[in-house]
Amino acid sequence: MKNETVKAGMKIGATIGGLVFLVLGIVPGFYFGSYGTLILLQKLSGGAVEPTLIVRAVIVMGIAVGIACAAAVSIVVGGLLGTAMGFVVSAPSALREKKEAAVKA
């Protein structure tokens, strides 16, 4: 029973984390991915970056990585919080079962 509650909490938490990402995470992922890629390209080239096709393609890939990282963090943190809530919800019943087993023995 306890294991099912924890798994359900994890799934609910990951779903909520995904929804939070959809509402609040896409724009920061886009921003930090593009900004981080641009800073990295500036450091690699040693100065200002010209808007060539390759630079634009690299920035688009950086945006995709930034959005994917933001999604992964949101889903993992949601899953961890859901798992913790599952443990908290199942703790009283686990303690009650342990106490009943001790009384019977």
N, C-alpha and C. Protein backbone atom coordinates (compact mmCIF):
# COMPACT_ATOMS: atom_id res chain seq x y z
N MET A 1 0.83 -1.20 0.00
CA MET A 1 0.00 0.00 0.00
C MET A 1 0.87 1.25 0.00
N LYS A 2 1.91 1.25 0.83
CA LYS A 2 2.76 2.43 0.94
C LYS A 2 3.48 2.71 -0.37
N ASN A 3 3.96 1.66 -1.02
CA ASN A 3 4.70 1.82 -2.26
C ASN A 3 3.81 2.42 -3.35
N GLU A 4 2.56 2.01 -3.41
CA GLU A 4 1.63 2.55 -4.41
C GLU A 4 1.35 4.03 -4.16
N THR A 5 1.25 4.43 -2.92
CA THR A 5 1.01 5.82 -2.57
C THR A 5 2.20 6.69 -2.97
N VAL A 6 3.39 6.19 -2.73
CA VAL A 6 4.59 6.95 -3.08
C VAL A 6 4.71 7.08 -4.60
N LYS A 7 4.43 6.00 -5.33
CA LYS A 7 4.49 6.06 -6.79
C LYS A 7 3.44 7.02 -7.35
N ALA A 8 2.26 6.99 -6.77
CA ALA A 8 1.21 7.91 -7.22
C ALA A 8 1.60 9.35 -6.94
N GLY A 9 2.19 9.60 -5.79
CA GLY A 9 2.67 10.95 -5.46
C GLY A 9 3.75 11.41 -6.42
N MET A 10 4.64 10.49 -6.80
CA MET A 10 5.69 10.84 -7.73
C MET A 10 5.11 11.21 -9.10
N LYS A 11 4.15 10.43 -9.56
CA LYS A 11 3.54 10.71 -10.86
C LYS A 11 2.76 12.02 -10.84
N ILE A 12 2.03 12.26 -9.79
CA ILE A 12 1.29 13.51 -9.67
C ILE A 12 2.24 14.70 -9.59
N GLY A 13 3.32 14.57 -8.82
CA GLY A 13 4.30 15.64 -8.71
C GLY A 13 5.00 15.93 -10.03
N ALA A 14 5.34 14.87 -10.77
CA ALA A 14 5.99 15.08 -12.07
C ALA A 14 5.03 15.75 -13.05
N THR A 15 3.76 15.38 -12.99
CA THR A 15 2.77 16.01 -13.86
C THR A 15 2.61 17.48 -13.52
N ILE A 16 2.54 17.78 -12.24
CA ILE A 16 2.43 19.18 -11.82
C ILE A 16 3.69 19.95 -12.20
N GLY A 17 4.86 19.31 -12.06
CA GLY A 17 6.10 19.95 -12.48
C GLY A 17 6.11 20.25 -13.97
N GLY A 18 5.58 19.34 -14.78
CA GLY A 18 5.47 19.58 -16.22
C GLY A 18 4.53 20.72 -16.54
N LEU A 19 3.42 20.79 -15.81
CA LEU A 19 2.48 21.89 -16.03
C LEU A 19 3.08 23.23 -15.60
N VAL A 20 3.82 23.22 -14.51
CA VAL A 20 4.49 24.45 -14.07
C VAL A 20 5.51 24.88 -15.11
N PHE A 21 6.20 23.91 -15.70
CA PHE A 21 7.14 24.26 -16.76
C PHE A 21 6.42 24.89 -17.94
N LEU A 22 5.29 24.33 -18.34
CA LEU A 22 4.56 24.89 -19.47
C LEU A 22 4.09 26.31 -19.20
N VAL A 23 3.73 26.59 -17.96
CA VAL A 23 3.23 27.92 -17.62
C VAL A 23 4.37 28.91 -17.35
N LEU A 24 5.36 28.48 -16.58
CA LEU A 24 6.38 29.41 -16.10
C LEU A 24 7.80 29.13 -16.59
N GLY A 25 8.04 28.04 -17.30
CA GLY A 25 9.41 27.65 -17.58
C GLY A 25 9.90 27.83 -18.99
N ILE A 26 9.01 27.98 -19.95
CA ILE A 26 9.46 28.05 -21.34
C ILE A 26 10.23 29.34 -21.60
N VAL A 27 9.73 30.46 -21.14
CA VAL A 27 10.40 31.74 -21.40
C VAL A 27 11.78 31.80 -20.72
N PRO A 28 11.93 31.44 -19.44
CA PRO A 28 13.29 31.44 -18.88
C PRO A 28 14.22 30.45 -19.57
N GLY A 29 13.70 29.29 -19.98
CA GLY A 29 14.54 28.35 -20.71
C GLY A 29 15.00 28.92 -22.04
N PHE A 30 14.11 29.60 -22.73
CA PHE A 30 14.44 30.26 -23.99
C PHE A 30 15.49 31.34 -23.76
N TYR A 31 15.27 32.16 -22.74
CA TYR A 31 16.17 33.28 -22.45
C TYR A 31 17.56 32.79 -22.06
N PHE A 32 17.63 31.90 -21.07
CA PHE A 32 18.93 31.47 -20.59
C PHE A 32 19.67 30.62 -21.62
N GLY A 33 18.94 29.85 -22.42
CA GLY A 33 19.59 29.08 -23.48
C GLY A 33 20.20 29.97 -24.54
N SER A 34 19.47 30.97 -24.97
CA SER A 34 20.00 31.86 -26.01
C SER A 34 21.11 32.75 -25.46
N TYR A 35 20.91 33.29 -24.27
CA TYR A 35 21.92 34.17 -23.68
C TYR A 35 23.20 33.41 -23.37
N GLY A 36 23.06 32.23 -22.80
CA GLY A 36 24.24 31.42 -22.49
C GLY A 36 25.01 31.03 -23.73
N THR A 37 24.30 30.68 -24.79
CA THR A 37 24.97 30.33 -26.04
C THR A 37 25.68 31.53 -26.63
N LEU A 38 25.05 32.68 -26.59
CA LEU A 38 25.67 33.88 -27.12
C LEU A 38 26.93 34.26 -26.35
N ILE A 39 26.89 34.17 -25.04
CA ILE A 39 28.07 34.46 -24.22
C ILE A 39 29.18 33.45 -24.51
N LEU A 40 28.81 32.17 -24.64
CA LEU A 40 29.80 31.15 -24.96
C LEU A 40 30.45 31.41 -26.32
N LEU A 41 29.65 31.77 -27.31
CA LEU A 41 30.20 32.07 -28.63
C LEU A 41 31.11 33.31 -28.60
N GLN A 42 30.74 34.30 -27.81
CA GLN A 42 31.59 35.49 -27.69
C GLN A 42 32.93 35.14 -27.05
N LYS A 43 32.92 34.29 -26.05
CA LYS A 43 34.17 33.89 -25.39
C LYS A 43 35.02 33.04 -26.33
N LEU A 44 34.40 32.18 -27.13
CA LEU A 44 35.16 31.34 -28.04
C LEU A 44 35.75 32.13 -29.20
N SER A 45 35.01 33.12 -29.69
CA SER A 45 35.51 33.89 -30.82
C SER A 45 36.40 35.04 -30.39
N GLY A 46 36.37 35.41 -29.15
CA GLY A 46 37.24 36.46 -28.65
C GLY A 46 36.74 37.87 -28.90
N GLY A 47 35.48 38.04 -29.21
CA GLY A 47 34.94 39.37 -29.45
C GLY A 47 33.49 39.30 -29.84
N ALA A 48 33.05 40.32 -30.55
CA ALA A 48 31.66 40.38 -30.97
C ALA A 48 31.36 39.27 -31.99
N VAL A 49 30.14 38.77 -31.96
CA VAL A 49 29.74 37.68 -32.84
C VAL A 49 28.87 38.26 -33.96
N GLU A 50 29.23 37.96 -35.18
CA GLU A 50 28.44 38.40 -36.33
C GLU A 50 27.25 37.47 -36.52
N PRO A 51 26.11 37.99 -36.93
CA PRO A 51 24.91 37.14 -37.08
C PRO A 51 24.93 36.33 -38.38
N THR A 52 25.83 35.37 -38.47
CA THR A 52 25.90 34.51 -39.65
C THR A 52 24.95 33.33 -39.47
N LEU A 53 24.84 32.53 -40.50
CA LEU A 53 23.93 31.39 -40.46
C LEU A 53 24.36 30.37 -39.40
N ILE A 54 25.65 30.12 -39.29
CA ILE A 54 26.14 29.14 -38.32
C ILE A 54 25.89 29.63 -36.90
N VAL A 55 26.13 30.90 -36.66
CA VAL A 55 25.90 31.46 -35.32
C VAL A 55 24.42 31.36 -34.96
N ARG A 56 23.56 31.68 -35.90
CA ARG A 56 22.12 31.58 -35.64
C ARG A 56 21.70 30.14 -35.38
N ALA A 57 22.27 29.21 -36.13
CA ALA A 57 21.94 27.79 -35.92
C ALA A 57 22.40 27.32 -34.55
N VAL A 58 23.59 27.76 -34.14
CA VAL A 58 24.10 27.37 -32.81
C VAL A 58 23.23 27.97 -31.72
N ILE A 59 22.77 29.19 -31.90
CA ILE A 59 21.90 29.82 -30.90
C ILE A 59 20.56 29.09 -30.82
N VAL A 60 20.03 28.66 -31.96
CA VAL A 60 18.78 27.89 -31.93
C VAL A 60 18.98 26.57 -31.19
N MET A 61 20.11 25.92 -31.40
CA MET A 61 20.40 24.68 -30.66
C MET A 61 20.55 24.98 -29.16
N GLY A 62 21.17 26.11 -28.84
CA GLY A 62 21.28 26.50 -27.43
C GLY A 62 19.93 26.76 -26.80
N ILE A 63 19.02 27.37 -27.56
CA ILE A 63 17.66 27.59 -27.06
C ILE A 63 16.98 26.26 -26.78
N ALA A 64 17.15 25.30 -27.69
CA ALA A 64 16.54 23.98 -27.49
C ALA A 64 17.11 23.30 -26.25
N VAL A 65 18.41 23.42 -26.04
CA VAL A 65 19.03 22.83 -24.85
C VAL A 65 18.54 23.54 -23.59
N GLY A 66 18.42 24.86 -23.64
CA GLY A 66 17.93 25.59 -22.47
C GLY A 66 16.50 25.22 -22.10
N ILE A 67 15.64 25.07 -23.10
CA ILE A 67 14.26 24.68 -22.83
C ILE A 67 14.20 23.25 -22.31
N ALA A 68 15.01 22.35 -22.89
CA ALA A 68 15.03 20.97 -22.41
C ALA A 68 15.55 20.87 -20.98
N CYS A 69 16.55 21.66 -20.65
CA CYS A 69 17.07 21.65 -19.27
C CYS A 69 16.06 22.19 -18.28
N ALA A 70 15.35 23.25 -18.66
CA ALA A 70 14.32 23.79 -17.78
C ALA A 70 13.20 22.78 -17.58
N ALA A 71 12.84 22.06 -18.64
CA ALA A 71 11.80 21.04 -18.53
C ALA A 71 12.26 19.90 -17.62
N ALA A 72 13.50 19.47 -17.80
CA ALA A 72 14.01 18.37 -16.98
C ALA A 72 14.05 18.75 -15.50
N VAL A 73 14.50 19.95 -15.22
CA VAL A 73 14.55 20.40 -13.82
C VAL A 73 13.15 20.48 -13.23
N SER A 74 12.20 21.03 -13.97
CA SER A 74 10.84 21.17 -13.46
C SER A 74 10.22 19.80 -13.19
N ILE A 75 10.39 18.87 -14.10
CA ILE A 75 9.78 17.54 -13.93
C ILE A 75 10.45 16.77 -12.80
N VAL A 76 11.78 16.84 -12.71
CA VAL A 76 12.49 16.12 -11.65
C VAL A 76 12.16 16.70 -10.27
N VAL A 77 12.16 18.02 -10.15
CA VAL A 77 11.83 18.63 -8.86
C VAL A 77 10.38 18.32 -8.48
N GLY A 78 9.48 18.38 -9.46
CA GLY A 78 8.08 18.01 -9.17
C GLY A 78 7.95 16.57 -8.73
N GLY A 79 8.69 15.67 -9.39
CA GLY A 79 8.66 14.26 -8.99
C GLY A 79 9.22 14.04 -7.60
N LEU A 80 10.30 14.75 -7.26
CA LEU A 80 10.87 14.62 -5.92
C LEU A 80 9.92 15.15 -4.85
N LEU A 81 9.30 16.29 -5.12
CA LEU A 81 8.34 16.83 -4.15
C LEU A 81 7.12 15.92 -4.03
N GLY A 82 6.68 15.36 -5.15
CA GLY A 82 5.56 14.41 -5.10
C GLY A 82 5.90 13.15 -4.33
N THR A 83 7.13 12.66 -4.50
CA THR A 83 7.57 11.48 -3.76
C THR A 83 7.61 11.78 -2.27
N ALA A 84 8.13 12.94 -1.91
CA ALA A 84 8.17 13.33 -0.49
C ALA A 84 6.76 13.43 0.08
N MET A 85 5.84 14.00 -0.69
CA MET A 85 4.46 14.08 -0.22
C MET A 85 3.83 12.70 -0.11
N GLY A 86 4.19 11.79 -1.02
CA GLY A 86 3.69 10.42 -0.92
C GLY A 86 4.16 9.73 0.35
N PHE A 87 5.43 9.95 0.72
CA PHE A 87 5.94 9.40 1.97
C PHE A 87 5.21 10.01 3.17
N VAL A 88 4.97 11.31 3.12
CA VAL A 88 4.29 11.97 4.24
C VAL A 88 2.86 11.45 4.38
N VAL A 89 2.18 11.25 3.26
CA VAL A 89 0.80 10.77 3.31
C VAL A 89 0.74 9.32 3.78
N SER A 90 1.71 8.51 3.37
CA SER A 90 1.66 7.09 3.73
C SER A 90 2.29 6.80 5.09
N ALA A 91 2.95 7.76 5.71
CA ALA A 91 3.62 7.51 6.98
C ALA A 91 2.67 7.11 8.11
N PRO A 92 1.51 7.76 8.31
CA PRO A 92 0.63 7.34 9.42
C PRO A 92 0.13 5.90 9.27
N SER A 93 -0.22 5.50 8.06
CA SER A 93 -0.70 4.13 7.88
C SER A 93 0.43 3.13 8.07
N ALA A 94 1.64 3.48 7.67
CA ALA A 94 2.78 2.58 7.87
C ALA A 94 3.08 2.43 9.36
N LEU A 95 3.00 3.53 10.10
CA LEU A 95 3.23 3.44 11.55
C LEU A 95 2.14 2.64 12.24
N ARG A 96 0.89 2.81 11.77
CA ARG A 96 -0.22 2.06 12.35
C ARG A 96 -0.05 0.57 12.07
N GLU A 97 0.36 0.19 10.87
CA GLU A 97 0.58 -1.22 10.53
C GLU A 97 1.72 -1.80 11.36
N LYS A 98 2.78 -1.00 11.56
CA LYS A 98 3.91 -1.48 12.35
C LYS A 98 3.49 -1.68 13.81
N LYS A 99 2.66 -0.78 14.33
CA LYS A 99 2.20 -0.90 15.71
C LYS A 99 1.29 -2.12 15.87
N GLU A 100 0.40 -2.37 14.90
CA GLU A 100 -0.47 -3.54 14.94
C GLU A 100 0.33 -4.82 14.85
N ALA A 101 1.40 -4.85 14.06
CA ALA A 101 2.24 -6.05 13.96
C ALA A 101 2.97 -6.30 15.28
N ALA A 102 3.38 -5.23 15.96
CA ALA A 102 4.06 -5.38 17.24
C ALA A 102 3.11 -5.88 18.32
N VAL A 103 1.86 -5.46 18.27
CA VAL A 103 0.87 -5.89 19.26
C VAL A 103 0.54 -7.36 19.07
N LYS A 104 0.44 -7.82 17.82
CA LYS A 104 0.13 -9.23 17.52
C LYS A 104 1.28 -10.16 17.88
N ALA A 105 2.51 -9.66 17.83
CA ALA A 105 3.66 -10.53 18.10
C ALA A 105 3.91 -10.73 19.56
